[in-house]
Amino acid sequence: MNLNVDDQMLYRVGNENLVRVTPNAATKIDELKQRENQGDFLRIRITGGGCNGLSYKMKFVEDGKEGDILVSSAGVQVLVDSKTTLYLRGTTLDYSDKLVAGGFKFSNPNAKASCSCGESFNL
C-alpha cells in the first residue's frame, strides 16, 4: 500500500537519517511481507527487555497511528513511533542468511553496549 496525500496527514515523513534498510534486509522483508500478509508497513519499535535492557520489535501492520514517522528506505515503508525515534536515530537494519549469526541485525550508533544476537542494547 502506498500512502496518498490524505493518509500522510496521520504521519510525519522522515528519512534514512532515522533508520536505513539495507538491500539484503529489504529483500527479506518483502519475502516475509508476502508470506505473512499482515500489512504493508513494517513497524519498528523499541521496548524494555532483552539481555541488555532494551530490545527491538518488528511487525507488519496495515496502518500507522497518529504521530508516527514514516520512512521509506530501499522500498520498505517503515513506521516508527515518536518515543522509539529517541533511541533509533541513525540505525541500520541489515539481514544475513548465514547459518551462524544470521538473521536481522540492527546497527545502532546510540547503543553503548549490545548483545551478540544484535536484538538488544543499552544506552
PDB file of N, CA and C in Angstrom:
ATOM      1  N   MET A   1       0.849  -1.181   0.000  1.00  0.00           N
ATOM      2  CA  MET A   1       0.000   0.000   0.000  1.00  0.00           C
ATOM      3  C   MET A   1       0.887   1.233   0.000  1.00  0.00           C
ATOM      4  N   ASN A   2       0.580   2.166  -0.831  1.00  0.00           N
ATOM      5  CA  ASN A   2       1.277   3.440  -0.831  1.00  0.00           C
ATOM      6  C   ASN A   2       0.356   4.491  -0.255  1.00  0.00           C
ATOM      7  N   LEU A   3       0.918   5.383   0.500  1.00  0.00           N
ATOM      8  CA  LEU A   3       0.115   6.429   1.128  1.00  0.00           C
ATOM      9  C   LEU A   3      -0.219   7.512   0.120  1.00  0.00           C
ATOM     10  N   ASN A   4      -1.439   7.989   0.180  1.00  0.00           N
ATOM     11  CA  ASN A   4      -1.771   9.152  -0.626  1.00  0.00           C
ATOM     12  C   ASN A   4      -1.655  10.391   0.255  1.00  0.00           C
ATOM     13  N   VAL A   5      -1.870  11.535  -0.325  1.00  0.00           N
ATOM     14  CA  VAL A   5      -1.681  12.796   0.405  1.00  0.00           C
ATOM     15  C   VAL A   5      -2.541  12.852   1.659  1.00  0.00           C
ATOM     16  N   ASP A   6      -3.782  12.400   1.586  1.00  0.00           N
ATOM     17  CA  ASP A   6      -4.660  12.449   2.750  1.00  0.00           C
ATOM     18  C   ASP A   6      -4.141  11.566   3.877  1.00  0.00           C
ATOM     19  N   ASP A   7      -3.592  10.380   3.536  1.00  0.00           N
ATOM     20  CA  ASP A   7      -3.071   9.465   4.548  1.00  0.00           C
ATOM     21  C   ASP A   7      -1.866  10.059   5.267  1.00  0.00           C
ATOM     22  N   GLN A   8      -1.052  10.822   4.566  1.00  0.00           N
ATOM     23  CA  GLN A   8       0.170  11.333   5.158  1.00  0.00           C
ATOM     24  C   GLN A   8      -0.091  12.317   6.282  1.00  0.00           C
ATOM     25  N   MET A   9      -1.298  12.802   6.401  1.00  0.00           N
ATOM     26  CA  MET A   9      -1.605  13.730   7.481  1.00  0.00           C
ATOM     27  C   MET A   9      -1.489  13.040   8.841  1.00  0.00           C
ATOM     28  N   LEU A  10      -1.662  11.715   8.891  1.00  0.00           N
ATOM     29  CA  LEU A  10      -1.503  10.973  10.139  1.00  0.00           C
ATOM     30  C   LEU A  10      -0.037  10.822  10.523  1.00  0.00           C
ATOM     31  N   TYR A  11       0.824  10.868   9.536  1.00  0.00           N
ATOM     32  CA  TYR A  11       2.232  10.580   9.748  1.00  0.00           C
ATOM     33  C   TYR A  11       3.080  11.820   9.508  1.00  0.00           C
ATOM     34  N   ARG A  12       4.233  11.818  10.120  1.00  0.00           N
ATOM     35  CA  ARG A  12       5.269  12.761   9.734  1.00  0.00           C
ATOM     36  C   ARG A  12       6.209  11.978   8.834  1.00  0.00           C
ATOM     37  N   VAL A  13       6.710  12.591   7.816  1.00  0.00           N
ATOM     38  CA  VAL A  13       7.601  11.901   6.897  1.00  0.00           C
ATOM     39  C   VAL A  13       9.030  12.102   7.373  1.00  0.00           C
ATOM     40  N   GLY A  14       9.726  10.994   7.574  1.00  0.00           N
ATOM     41  CA  GLY A  14      11.122  11.027   7.985  1.00  0.00           C
ATOM     42  C   GLY A  14      12.010  10.604   6.832  1.00  0.00           C
ATOM     43  N   ASN A  15      13.283  10.410   7.132  1.00  0.00           N
ATOM     44  CA  ASN A  15      14.210   9.966   6.096  1.00  0.00           C
ATOM     45  C   ASN A  15      15.171   8.929   6.670  1.00  0.00           C
ATOM     46  N   GLU A  16      16.130   8.518   5.852  1.00  0.00           N
ATOM     47  CA  GLU A  16      17.046   7.459   6.255  1.00  0.00           C
ATOM     48  C   GLU A  16      18.012   7.880   7.356  1.00  0.00           C
ATOM     49  N   ASN A  17      17.991   9.144   7.773  1.00  0.00           N
ATOM     50  CA  ASN A  17      18.778   9.533   8.942  1.00  0.00           C
ATOM     51  C   ASN A  17      18.204   8.907  10.206  1.00  0.00           C
ATOM     52  N   LEU A  18      16.937   8.538  10.176  1.00  0.00           N
ATOM     53  CA  LEU A  18      16.305   7.873  11.315  1.00  0.00           C
ATOM     54  C   LEU A  18      16.608   6.382  11.284  1.00  0.00           C
ATOM     55  N   VAL A  19      16.259   5.724  10.199  1.00  0.00           N
ATOM     56  CA  VAL A  19      16.535   4.293  10.050  1.00  0.00           C
ATOM     57  C   VAL A  19      16.750   3.999   8.571  1.00  0.00           C
ATOM     58  N   ARG A  20      17.781   3.194   8.305  1.00  0.00           N
ATOM     59  CA  ARG A  20      18.095   2.812   6.931  1.00  0.00           C
ATOM     60  C   ARG A  20      17.980   1.304   6.815  1.00  0.00           C
ATOM     61  N   VAL A  21      17.313   0.840   5.775  1.00  0.00           N
ATOM     62  CA  VAL A  21      17.151  -0.583   5.499  1.00  0.00           C
ATOM     63  C   VAL A  21      18.097  -0.936   4.359  1.00  0.00           C
ATOM     64  N   THR A  22      18.943  -1.944   4.562  1.00  0.00           N
ATOM     65  CA  THR A  22      19.855  -2.359   3.501  1.00  0.00           C
ATOM     66  C   THR A  22      19.093  -3.144   2.434  1.00  0.00           C
ATOM     67  N   PRO A  23      19.659  -3.264   1.239  1.00  0.00           N
ATOM     68  CA  PRO A  23      19.011  -4.077   0.204  1.00  0.00           C
ATOM     69  C   PRO A  23      18.776  -5.527   0.644  1.00  0.00           C
ATOM     70  N   ASN A  24      19.714  -6.129   1.377  1.00  0.00           N
ATOM     71  CA  ASN A  24      19.521  -7.504   1.866  1.00  0.00           C
ATOM     72  C   ASN A  24      18.322  -7.585   2.801  1.00  0.00           C
ATOM     73  N   ALA A  25      18.201  -6.620   3.700  1.00  0.00           N
ATOM     74  CA  ALA A  25      17.068  -6.607   4.629  1.00  0.00           C
ATOM     75  C   ALA A  25      15.767  -6.364   3.870  1.00  0.00           C
ATOM     76  N   ALA A  26      15.794  -5.478   2.889  1.00  0.00           N
ATOM     77  CA  ALA A  26      14.587  -5.177   2.115  1.00  0.00           C
ATOM     78  C   ALA A  26      14.082  -6.411   1.379  1.00  0.00           C
ATOM     79  N   THR A  27      14.995  -7.189   0.821  1.00  0.00           N
ATOM     80  CA  THR A  27      14.605  -8.415   0.120  1.00  0.00           C
ATOM     81  C   THR A  27      13.912  -9.382   1.065  1.00  0.00           C
ATOM     82  N   LYS A  28      14.485  -9.578   2.249  1.00  0.00           N
ATOM     83  CA  LYS A  28      13.889 -10.499   3.220  1.00  0.00           C
ATOM     84  C   LYS A  28      12.561  -9.951   3.745  1.00  0.00           C
ATOM     85  N   ILE A  29      12.488  -8.662   3.997  1.00  0.00           N
ATOM     86  CA  ILE A  29      11.248  -8.043   4.478  1.00  0.00           C
ATOM     87  C   ILE A  29      10.141  -8.229   3.446  1.00  0.00           C
ATOM     88  N   ASP A  30      10.449  -8.010   2.173  1.00  0.00           N
ATOM     89  CA  ASP A  30       9.442  -8.204   1.122  1.00  0.00           C
ATOM     90  C   ASP A  30       8.969  -9.650   1.080  1.00  0.00           C
ATOM     91  N   GLU A  31       9.894 -10.585   1.218  1.00  0.00           N
ATOM     92  CA  GLU A  31       9.543 -12.007   1.234  1.00  0.00           C
ATOM     93  C   GLU A  31       8.605 -12.324   2.399  1.00  0.00           C
ATOM     94  N   LEU A  32       8.948 -11.837   3.581  1.00  0.00           N
ATOM     95  CA  LEU A  32       8.118 -12.075   4.765  1.00  0.00           C
ATOM     96  C   LEU A  32       6.763 -11.384   4.654  1.00  0.00           C
ATOM     97  N   LYS A  33       6.766 -10.185   4.095  1.00  0.00           N
ATOM     98  CA  LYS A  33       5.513  -9.440   3.940  1.00  0.00           C
ATOM     99  C   LYS A  33       4.545 -10.208   3.044  1.00  0.00           C
ATOM    100  N   GLN A  34       5.044 -10.763   1.964  1.00  0.00           N
ATOM    101  CA  GLN A  34       4.198 -11.545   1.058  1.00  0.00           C
ATOM    102  C   GLN A  34       3.680 -12.810   1.739  1.00  0.00           C
ATOM    103  N   ARG A  35       4.553 -13.472   2.482  1.00  0.00           N
ATOM    104  CA  ARG A  35       4.172 -14.725   3.133  1.00  0.00           C
ATOM    105  C   ARG A  35       3.177 -14.499   4.262  1.00  0.00           C
ATOM    106  N   GLU A  36       3.420 -13.484   5.089  1.00  0.00           N
ATOM    107  CA  GLU A  36       2.581 -13.256   6.270  1.00  0.00           C
ATOM    108  C   GLU A  36       1.295 -12.506   5.954  1.00  0.00           C
ATOM    109  N   ASN A  37       1.323 -11.649   4.936  1.00  0.00           N
ATOM    110  CA  ASN A  37       0.140 -10.901   4.514  1.00  0.00           C
ATOM    111  C   ASN A  37      -0.566 -10.213   5.692  1.00  0.00           C
ATOM    112  N   GLN A  38       0.216  -9.532   6.531  1.00  0.00           N
ATOM    113  CA  GLN A  38      -0.323  -8.860   7.714  1.00  0.00           C
ATOM    114  C   GLN A  38      -0.423  -7.347   7.560  1.00  0.00           C
ATOM    115  N   GLY A  39       0.182  -6.804   6.534  1.00  0.00           N
ATOM    116  CA  GLY A  39       0.147  -5.364   6.329  1.00  0.00           C
ATOM    117  C   GLY A  39       1.309  -4.924   5.473  1.00  0.00           C
ATOM    118  N   ASP A  40       1.223  -3.715   4.964  1.00  0.00           N
ATOM    119  CA  ASP A  40       2.230  -3.201   4.048  1.00  0.00           C
ATOM    120  C   ASP A  40       3.331  -2.393   4.721  1.00  0.00           C
ATOM    121  N   PHE A  41       3.141  -2.071   5.985  1.00  0.00           N
ATOM    122  CA  PHE A  41       4.129  -1.272   6.705  1.00  0.00           C
ATOM    123  C   PHE A  41       4.883  -2.144   7.699  1.00  0.00           C
ATOM    124  N   LEU A  42       6.164  -1.874   7.848  1.00  0.00           N
ATOM    125  CA  LEU A  42       6.956  -2.536   8.877  1.00  0.00           C
ATOM    126  C   LEU A  42       7.072  -1.579  10.054  1.00  0.00           C
ATOM    127  N   ARG A  43       6.499  -1.955  11.190  1.00  0.00           N
ATOM    128  CA  ARG A  43       6.627  -1.140  12.396  1.00  0.00           C
ATOM    129  C   ARG A  43       7.854  -1.618  13.159  1.00  0.00           C
ATOM    130  N   ILE A  44       8.745  -0.684  13.463  1.00  0.00           N
ATOM    131  CA  ILE A  44       9.900  -0.965  14.316  1.00  0.00           C
ATOM    132  C   ILE A  44       9.703  -0.176  15.591  1.00  0.00           C
ATOM    133  N   ARG A  45       9.833  -0.856  16.710  1.00  0.00           N
ATOM    134  CA  ARG A  45       9.739  -0.149  17.991  1.00  0.00           C
ATOM    135  C   ARG A  45      10.768  -0.726  18.950  1.00  0.00           C
ATOM    136  N   ILE A  46      11.040   0.023  19.967  1.00  0.00           N
ATOM    137  CA  ILE A  46      11.986  -0.385  21.000  1.00  0.00           C
ATOM    138  C   ILE A  46      11.218  -0.486  22.303  1.00  0.00           C
ATOM    139  N   THR A  47      11.398  -1.617  22.976  1.00  0.00           N
ATOM    140  CA  THR A  47      10.719  -1.858  24.245  1.00  0.00           C
ATOM    141  C   THR A  47      11.745  -2.262  25.294  1.00  0.00           C
ATOM    142  N   GLY A  48      11.344  -2.191  26.554  1.00  0.00           N
ATOM    143  CA  GLY A  48      12.189  -2.686  27.627  1.00  0.00           C
ATOM    144  C   GLY A  48      12.271  -4.200  27.545  1.00  0.00           C
ATOM    145  N   GLY A  49      13.457  -4.736  27.774  1.00  0.00           N
ATOM    146  CA  GLY A  49      13.621  -6.186  27.756  1.00  0.00           C
ATOM    147  C   GLY A  49      14.904  -6.591  27.069  1.00  0.00           C
ATOM    148  N   GLY A  50      15.097  -7.877  26.934  1.00  0.00           N
ATOM    149  CA  GLY A  50      16.318  -8.387  26.330  1.00  0.00           C
ATOM    150  C   GLY A  50      17.443  -8.415  27.340  1.00  0.00           C
ATOM    151  N   CYS A  51      18.553  -8.983  26.949  1.00  0.00           N
ATOM    152  CA  CYS A  51      19.668  -9.156  27.885  1.00  0.00           C
ATOM    153  C   CYS A  51      20.404  -7.853  28.188  1.00  0.00           C
ATOM    154  N   ASN A  52      20.149  -6.783  27.428  1.00  0.00           N
ATOM    155  CA  ASN A  52      20.813  -5.509  27.680  1.00  0.00           C
ATOM    156  C   ASN A  52      19.865  -4.381  28.056  1.00  0.00           C
ATOM    157  N   GLY A  53      18.606  -4.688  28.303  1.00  0.00           N
ATOM    158  CA  GLY A  53      17.684  -3.671  28.803  1.00  0.00           C
ATOM    159  C   GLY A  53      16.672  -3.145  27.805  1.00  0.00           C
ATOM    160  N   LEU A  54      17.052  -3.009  26.541  1.00  0.00           N
ATOM    161  CA  LEU A  54      16.140  -2.539  25.504  1.00  0.00           C
ATOM    162  C   LEU A  54      16.200  -3.514  24.334  1.00  0.00           C
ATOM    163  N   SER A  55      15.059  -3.759  23.704  1.00  0.00           N
ATOM    164  CA  SER A  55      15.069  -4.686  22.569  1.00  0.00           C
ATOM    165  C   SER A  55      14.241  -4.137  21.414  1.00  0.00           C
ATOM    166  N   TYR A  56      14.598  -4.585  20.231  1.00  0.00           N
ATOM    167  CA  TYR A  56      13.917  -4.189  19.008  1.00  0.00           C
ATOM    168  C   TYR A  56      12.756  -5.133  18.755  1.00  0.00           C
ATOM    169  N   LYS A  57      11.641  -4.586  18.313  1.00  0.00           N
ATOM    170  CA  LYS A  57      10.474  -5.374  17.924  1.00  0.00           C
ATOM    171  C   LYS A  57      10.064  -4.929  16.525  1.00  0.00           C
ATOM    172  N   MET A  58       9.745  -5.894  15.685  1.00  0.00           N
ATOM    173  CA  MET A  58       9.284  -5.588  14.336  1.00  0.00           C
ATOM    174  C   MET A  58       8.020  -6.386  14.056  1.00  0.00           C
ATOM    175  N   LYS A  59       7.083  -5.749  13.372  1.00  0.00           N
ATOM    176  CA  LYS A  59       5.897  -6.467  12.909  1.00  0.00           C
ATOM    177  C   LYS A  59       5.286  -5.697  11.752  1.00  0.00           C
ATOM    178  N   PHE A  60       4.558  -6.425  10.921  1.00  0.00           N
ATOM    179  CA  PHE A  60       3.851  -5.795   9.817  1.00  0.00           C
ATOM    180  C   PHE A  60       2.514  -5.284  10.320  1.00  0.00           C
ATOM    181  N   VAL A  61       2.134  -4.105   9.853  1.00  0.00           N
ATOM    182  CA  VAL A  61       0.855  -3.512  10.242  1.00  0.00           C
ATOM    183  C   VAL A  61       0.157  -2.964   9.004  1.00  0.00           C
ATOM    184  N   GLU A  62      -1.158  -2.904   9.091  1.00  0.00           N
ATOM    185  CA  GLU A  62      -1.976  -2.373   7.997  1.00  0.00           C
ATOM    186  C   GLU A  62      -1.894  -0.857   7.910  1.00  0.00           C
ATOM    187  N   ASP A  63      -1.763  -0.222   9.065  1.00  0.00           N
ATOM    188  CA  ASP A  63      -1.824   1.229   9.105  1.00  0.00           C
ATOM    189  C   ASP A  63      -1.023   1.722  10.294  1.00  0.00           C
ATOM    190  N   GLY A  64      -0.730   2.991  10.298  1.00  0.00           N
ATOM    191  CA  GLY A  64       0.002   3.575  11.400  1.00  0.00           C
ATOM    192  C   GLY A  64      -0.915   4.271  12.377  1.00  0.00           C
ATOM    193  N   LYS A  65      -0.278   4.942  13.308  1.00  0.00           N
ATOM    194  CA  LYS A  65      -1.006   5.704  14.319  1.00  0.00           C
ATOM    195  C   LYS A  65      -0.634   7.170  14.173  1.00  0.00           C
ATOM    196  N   GLU A  66      -1.508   8.019  14.652  1.00  0.00           N
ATOM    197  CA  GLU A  66      -1.218   9.444  14.592  1.00  0.00           C
ATOM    198  C   GLU A  66       0.088   9.733  15.321  1.00  0.00           C
ATOM    199  N   GLY A  67       0.933  10.537  14.695  1.00  0.00           N
ATOM    200  CA  GLY A  67       2.213  10.884  15.284  1.00  0.00           C
ATOM    201  C   GLY A  67       3.357   9.990  14.852  1.00  0.00           C
ATOM    202  N   ASP A  68       3.061   8.887  14.161  1.00  0.00           N
ATOM    203  CA  ASP A  68       4.120   8.018  13.655  1.00  0.00           C
ATOM    204  C   ASP A  68       4.979   8.764  12.648  1.00  0.00           C
ATOM    205  N   ILE A  69       6.192   8.305  12.509  1.00  0.00           N
ATOM    206  CA  ILE A  69       7.080   8.816  11.473  1.00  0.00           C
ATOM    207  C   ILE A  69       7.213   7.731  10.418  1.00  0.00           C
ATOM    208  N   LEU A  70       7.021   8.104   9.171  1.00  0.00           N
ATOM    209  CA  LEU A  70       7.098   7.177   8.048  1.00  0.00           C
ATOM    210  C   LEU A  70       8.417   7.392   7.322  1.00  0.00           C
ATOM    211  N   VAL A  71       9.201   6.326   7.214  1.00  0.00           N
ATOM    212  CA  VAL A  71      10.469   6.367   6.498  1.00  0.00           C
ATOM    213  C   VAL A  71      10.397   5.353   5.368  1.00  0.00           C
ATOM    214  N   SER A  72      10.729   5.784   4.176  1.00  0.00           N
ATOM    215  CA  SER A  72      10.829   4.868   3.044  1.00  0.00           C
ATOM    216  C   SER A  72      12.308   4.643   2.771  1.00  0.00           C
ATOM    217  N   SER A  73      12.733   3.380   2.874  1.00  0.00           N
ATOM    218  CA  SER A  73      14.138   3.043   2.685  1.00  0.00           C
ATOM    219  C   SER A  73      14.233   1.724   1.928  1.00  0.00           C
ATOM    220  N   ALA A  74      14.951   1.717   0.831  1.00  0.00           N
ATOM    221  CA  ALA A  74      15.139   0.522  -0.003  1.00  0.00           C
ATOM    222  C   ALA A  74      13.798  -0.085  -0.405  1.00  0.00           C
ATOM    223  N   GLY A  75      12.788   0.768  -0.580  1.00  0.00           N
ATOM    224  CA  GLY A  75      11.476   0.300  -0.984  1.00  0.00           C
ATOM    225  C   GLY A  75      10.601  -0.198   0.150  1.00  0.00           C
ATOM    226  N   VAL A  76      11.105  -0.167   1.378  1.00  0.00           N
ATOM    227  CA  VAL A  76      10.349  -0.615   2.548  1.00  0.00           C
ATOM    228  C   VAL A  76       9.770   0.611   3.240  1.00  0.00           C
ATOM    229  N   GLN A  77       8.482   0.547   3.569  1.00  0.00           N
ATOM    230  CA  GLN A  77       7.843   1.634   4.298  1.00  0.00           C
ATOM    231  C   GLN A  77       7.850   1.285   5.784  1.00  0.00           C
ATOM    232  N   VAL A  78       8.655   2.017   6.537  1.00  0.00           N
ATOM    233  CA  VAL A  78       8.864   1.758   7.960  1.00  0.00           C
ATOM    234  C   VAL A  78       8.108   2.796   8.776  1.00  0.00           C
ATOM    235  N   LEU A  79       7.367   2.338   9.774  1.00  0.00           N
ATOM    236  CA  LEU A  79       6.688   3.228  10.712  1.00  0.00           C
ATOM    237  C   LEU A  79       7.388   3.161  12.058  1.00  0.00           C
ATOM    238  N   VAL A  80       7.625   4.329  12.640  1.00  0.00           N
ATOM    239  CA  VAL A  80       8.300   4.427  13.931  1.00  0.00           C
ATOM    240  C   VAL A  80       7.512   5.401  14.795  1.00  0.00           C
ATOM    241  N   ASP A  81       7.217   5.015  16.042  1.00  0.00           N
ATOM    242  CA  ASP A  81       6.526   5.940  16.940  1.00  0.00           C
ATOM    243  C   ASP A  81       7.525   6.958  17.486  1.00  0.00           C
ATOM    244  N   SER A  82       7.004   8.060  17.999  1.00  0.00           N
ATOM    245  CA  SER A  82       7.877   9.164  18.416  1.00  0.00           C
ATOM    246  C   SER A  82       8.821   8.782  19.554  1.00  0.00           C
ATOM    247  N   LYS A  83       8.403   7.925  20.470  1.00  0.00           N
ATOM    248  CA  LYS A  83       9.285   7.506  21.563  1.00  0.00           C
ATOM    249  C   LYS A  83      10.470   6.698  21.034  1.00  0.00           C
ATOM    250  N   THR A  84      10.208   5.818  20.093  1.00  0.00           N
ATOM    251  CA  THR A  84      11.271   4.980  19.535  1.00  0.00           C
ATOM    252  C   THR A  84      12.312   5.807  18.795  1.00  0.00           C
ATOM    253  N   THR A  85      11.901   6.929  18.198  1.00  0.00           N
ATOM    254  CA  THR A  85      12.863   7.743  17.451  1.00  0.00           C
ATOM    255  C   THR A  85      14.008   8.228  18.335  1.00  0.00           C
ATOM    256  N   LEU A  86      13.743   8.395  19.622  1.00  0.00           N
ATOM    257  CA  LEU A  86      14.788   8.852  20.541  1.00  0.00           C
ATOM    258  C   LEU A  86      15.950   7.872  20.608  1.00  0.00           C
ATOM    259  N   TYR A  87      15.672   6.596  20.414  1.00  0.00           N
ATOM    260  CA  TYR A  87      16.686   5.552  20.534  1.00  0.00           C
ATOM    261  C   TYR A  87      17.174   5.028  19.187  1.00  0.00           C
ATOM    262  N   LEU A  88      16.425   5.264  18.132  1.00  0.00           N
ATOM    263  CA  LEU A  88      16.681   4.612  16.849  1.00  0.00           C
ATOM    264  C   LEU A  88      17.519   5.441  15.885  1.00  0.00           C
ATOM    265  N   ARG A  89      17.571   6.738  16.070  1.00  0.00           N
ATOM    266  CA  ARG A  89      18.189   7.639  15.095  1.00  0.00           C
ATOM    267  C   ARG A  89      19.565   7.150  14.626  1.00  0.00           C
ATOM    268  N   GLY A  90      19.695   7.006  13.292  1.00  0.00           N
ATOM    269  CA  GLY A  90      20.959   6.595  12.695  1.00  0.00           C
ATOM    270  C   GLY A  90      21.147   5.092  12.574  1.00  0.00           C
ATOM    271  N   THR A  91      20.130   4.328  12.920  1.00  0.00           N
ATOM    272  CA  THR A  91      20.234   2.871  12.924  1.00  0.00           C
ATOM    273  C   THR A  91      20.107   2.300  11.515  1.00  0.00           C
ATOM    274  N   THR A  92      20.867   1.242  11.258  1.00  0.00           N
ATOM    275  CA  THR A  92      20.780   0.495  10.008  1.00  0.00           C
ATOM    276  C   THR A  92      20.249  -0.893  10.311  1.00  0.00           C
ATOM    277  N   LEU A  93      19.273  -1.329   9.532  1.00  0.00           N
ATOM    278  CA  LEU A  93      18.726  -2.677   9.639  1.00  0.00           C
ATOM    279  C   LEU A  93      19.257  -3.490   8.470  1.00  0.00           C
ATOM    280  N   ASP A  94      19.952  -4.580   8.789  1.00  0.00           N
ATOM    281  CA  ASP A  94      20.539  -5.448   7.771  1.00  0.00           C
ATOM    282  C   ASP A  94      20.027  -6.868   7.965  1.00  0.00           C
ATOM    283  N   TYR A  95      20.274  -7.706   6.985  1.00  0.00           N
ATOM    284  CA  TYR A  95      19.889  -9.114   7.073  1.00  0.00           C
ATOM    285  C   TYR A  95      20.992  -9.962   6.472  1.00  0.00           C
ATOM    286  N   SER A  96      21.267 -11.077   7.135  1.00  0.00           N
ATOM    287  CA  SER A  96      22.231 -12.050   6.629  1.00  0.00           C
ATOM    288  C   SER A  96      21.599 -13.428   6.688  1.00  0.00           C
ATOM    289  N   ASP A  97      21.826 -14.225   5.655  1.00  0.00           N
ATOM    290  CA  ASP A  97      21.293 -15.585   5.655  1.00  0.00           C
ATOM    291  C   ASP A  97      22.339 -16.616   6.071  1.00  0.00           C
ATOM    292  N   LYS A  98      23.392 -16.164   6.747  1.00  0.00           N
ATOM    293  CA  LYS A  98      24.421 -17.076   7.247  1.00  0.00           C
ATOM    294  C   LYS A  98      23.816 -18.037   8.260  1.00  0.00           C
ATOM    295  N   LEU A  99      24.336 -19.245   8.270  1.00  0.00           N
ATOM    296  CA  LEU A  99      23.851 -20.265   9.191  1.00  0.00           C
ATOM    297  C   LEU A  99      24.137 -19.871  10.639  1.00  0.00           C
ATOM    298  N   VAL A 100      25.332 -19.348  10.882  1.00  0.00           N
ATOM    299  CA  VAL A 100      25.707 -18.892  12.224  1.00  0.00           C
ATOM    300  C   VAL A 100      25.653 -17.365  12.231  1.00  0.00           C
ATOM    301  N   ALA A 101      24.973 -16.820  13.210  1.00  0.00           N
ATOM    302  CA  ALA A 101      24.839 -15.366  13.382  1.00  0.00           C
ATOM    303  C   ALA A 101      24.087 -14.705  12.230  1.00  0.00           C
ATOM    304  N   GLY A 102      23.183 -15.430  11.595  1.00  0.00           N
ATOM    305  CA  GLY A 102      22.370 -14.865  10.529  1.00  0.00           C
ATOM    306  C   GLY A 102      21.102 -14.238  11.087  1.00  0.00           C
ATOM    307  N   GLY A 103      20.309 -13.657  10.214  1.00  0.00           N
ATOM    308  CA  GLY A 103      19.053 -13.032  10.602  1.00  0.00           C
ATOM    309  C   GLY A 103      19.143 -11.523  10.496  1.00  0.00           C
ATOM    310  N   PHE A 104      18.139 -10.846  11.035  1.00  0.00           N
ATOM    311  CA  PHE A 104      18.132  -9.389  11.038  1.00  0.00           C
ATOM    312  C   PHE A 104      19.081  -8.876  12.109  1.00  0.00           C
ATOM    313  N   LYS A 105      19.809  -7.813  11.773  1.00  0.00           N
ATOM    314  CA  LYS A 105      20.737  -7.178  12.707  1.00  0.00           C
ATOM    315  C   LYS A 105      20.533  -5.674  12.664  1.00  0.00           C
ATOM    316  N   PHE A 106      20.460  -5.086  13.840  1.00  0.00           N
ATOM    317  CA  PHE A 106      20.376  -3.639  13.967  1.00  0.00           C
ATOM    318  C   PHE A 106      21.751  -3.106  14.325  1.00  0.00           C
ATOM    319  N   SER A 107      22.230  -2.119  13.584  1.00  0.00           N
ATOM    320  CA  SER A 107      23.469  -1.411  13.921  1.00  0.00           C
ATOM    321  C   SER A 107      23.056  -0.021  14.379  1.00  0.00           C
ATOM    322  N   ASN A 108      23.112   0.186  15.693  1.00  0.00           N
ATOM    323  CA  ASN A 108      22.606   1.410  16.297  1.00  0.00           C
ATOM    324  C   ASN A 108      23.768   2.212  16.876  1.00  0.00           C
ATOM    325  N   PRO A 109      24.065   3.387  16.306  1.00  0.00           N
ATOM    326  CA  PRO A 109      25.181   4.189  16.806  1.00  0.00           C
ATOM    327  C   PRO A 109      24.940   4.766  18.202  1.00  0.00           C
ATOM    328  N   ASN A 110      23.707   4.725  18.685  1.00  0.00           N
ATOM    329  CA  ASN A 110      23.380   5.246  20.010  1.00  0.00           C
ATOM    330  C   ASN A 110      23.627   4.234  21.120  1.00  0.00           C
ATOM    331  N   ALA A 111      23.787   2.976  20.760  1.00  0.00           N
ATOM    332  CA  ALA A 111      23.934   1.912  21.755  1.00  0.00           C
ATOM    333  C   ALA A 111      25.328   1.942  22.373  1.00  0.00           C
ATOM    334  N   LYS A 112      25.368   1.901  23.690  1.00  0.00           N
ATOM    335  CA  LYS A 112      26.646   1.823  24.407  1.00  0.00           C
ATOM    336  C   LYS A 112      27.132   0.381  24.449  1.00  0.00           C
ATOM    337  N   ALA A 113      26.185  -0.550  24.511  1.00  0.00           N
ATOM    338  CA  ALA A 113      26.504  -1.980  24.516  1.00  0.00           C
ATOM    339  C   ALA A 113      25.347  -2.718  23.868  1.00  0.00           C
ATOM    340  N   SER A 114      25.660  -3.829  23.236  1.00  0.00           N
ATOM    341  CA  SER A 114      24.608  -4.661  22.652  1.00  0.00           C
ATOM    342  C   SER A 114      24.996  -6.120  22.817  1.00  0.00           C
ATOM    343  N   CYS A 115      24.001  -6.974  22.720  1.00  0.00           N
ATOM    344  CA  CYS A 115      24.275  -8.398  22.869  1.00  0.00           C
ATOM    345  C   CYS A 115      24.757  -8.967  21.536  1.00  0.00           C
ATOM    346  N   SER A 116      25.313 -10.149  21.579  1.00  0.00           N
ATOM    347  CA  SER A 116      25.867 -10.750  20.371  1.00  0.00           C
ATOM    348  C   SER A 116      24.795 -11.069  19.338  1.00  0.00           C
ATOM    349  N   CYS A 117      23.559 -11.257  19.769  1.00  0.00           N
ATOM    350  CA  CYS A 117      22.487 -11.566  18.812  1.00  0.00           C
ATOM    351  C   CYS A 117      22.035 -10.313  18.062  1.00  0.00           C
ATOM    352  N   GLY A 118      22.401  -9.121  18.548  1.00  0.00           N
ATOM    353  CA  GLY A 118      22.026  -7.881  17.880  1.00  0.00           C
ATOM    354  C   GLY A 118      20.584  -7.477  18.082  1.00  0.00           C
ATOM    355  N   GLU A 119      19.903  -8.118  19.028  1.00  0.00           N
ATOM    356  CA  GLU A 119      18.487  -7.825  19.237  1.00  0.00           C
ATOM    357  C   GLU A 119      18.214  -6.987  20.477  1.00  0.00           C
ATOM    358  N   SER A 120      19.214  -6.769  21.316  1.00  0.00           N
ATOM    359  CA  SER A 120      19.001  -5.902  22.468  1.00  0.00           C
ATOM    360  C   SER A 120      20.241  -5.044  22.695  1.00  0.00           C
ATOM    361  N   PHE A 121      20.038  -3.941  23.418  1.00  0.00           N
ATOM    362  CA  PHE A 121      21.114  -2.977  23.628  1.00  0.00           C
ATOM    363  C   PHE A 121      20.811  -2.136  24.851  1.00  0.00           C
ATOM    364  N   ASN A 122      21.782  -1.311  25.244  1.00  0.00           N
ATOM    365  CA  ASN A 122      21.515  -0.305  26.269  1.00  0.00           C
ATOM    366  C   ASN A 122      22.192   0.991  25.867  1.00  0.00           C
ATOM    367  N   LEU A 123      21.767   2.067  26.520  1.00  0.00           N
ATOM    368  CA  LEU A 123      22.287   3.399  26.193  1.00  0.00           C
ATOM    369  C   LEU A 123      23.203   3.902  27.274  1.00  0.00           C
TER     370      LEU A 123
END
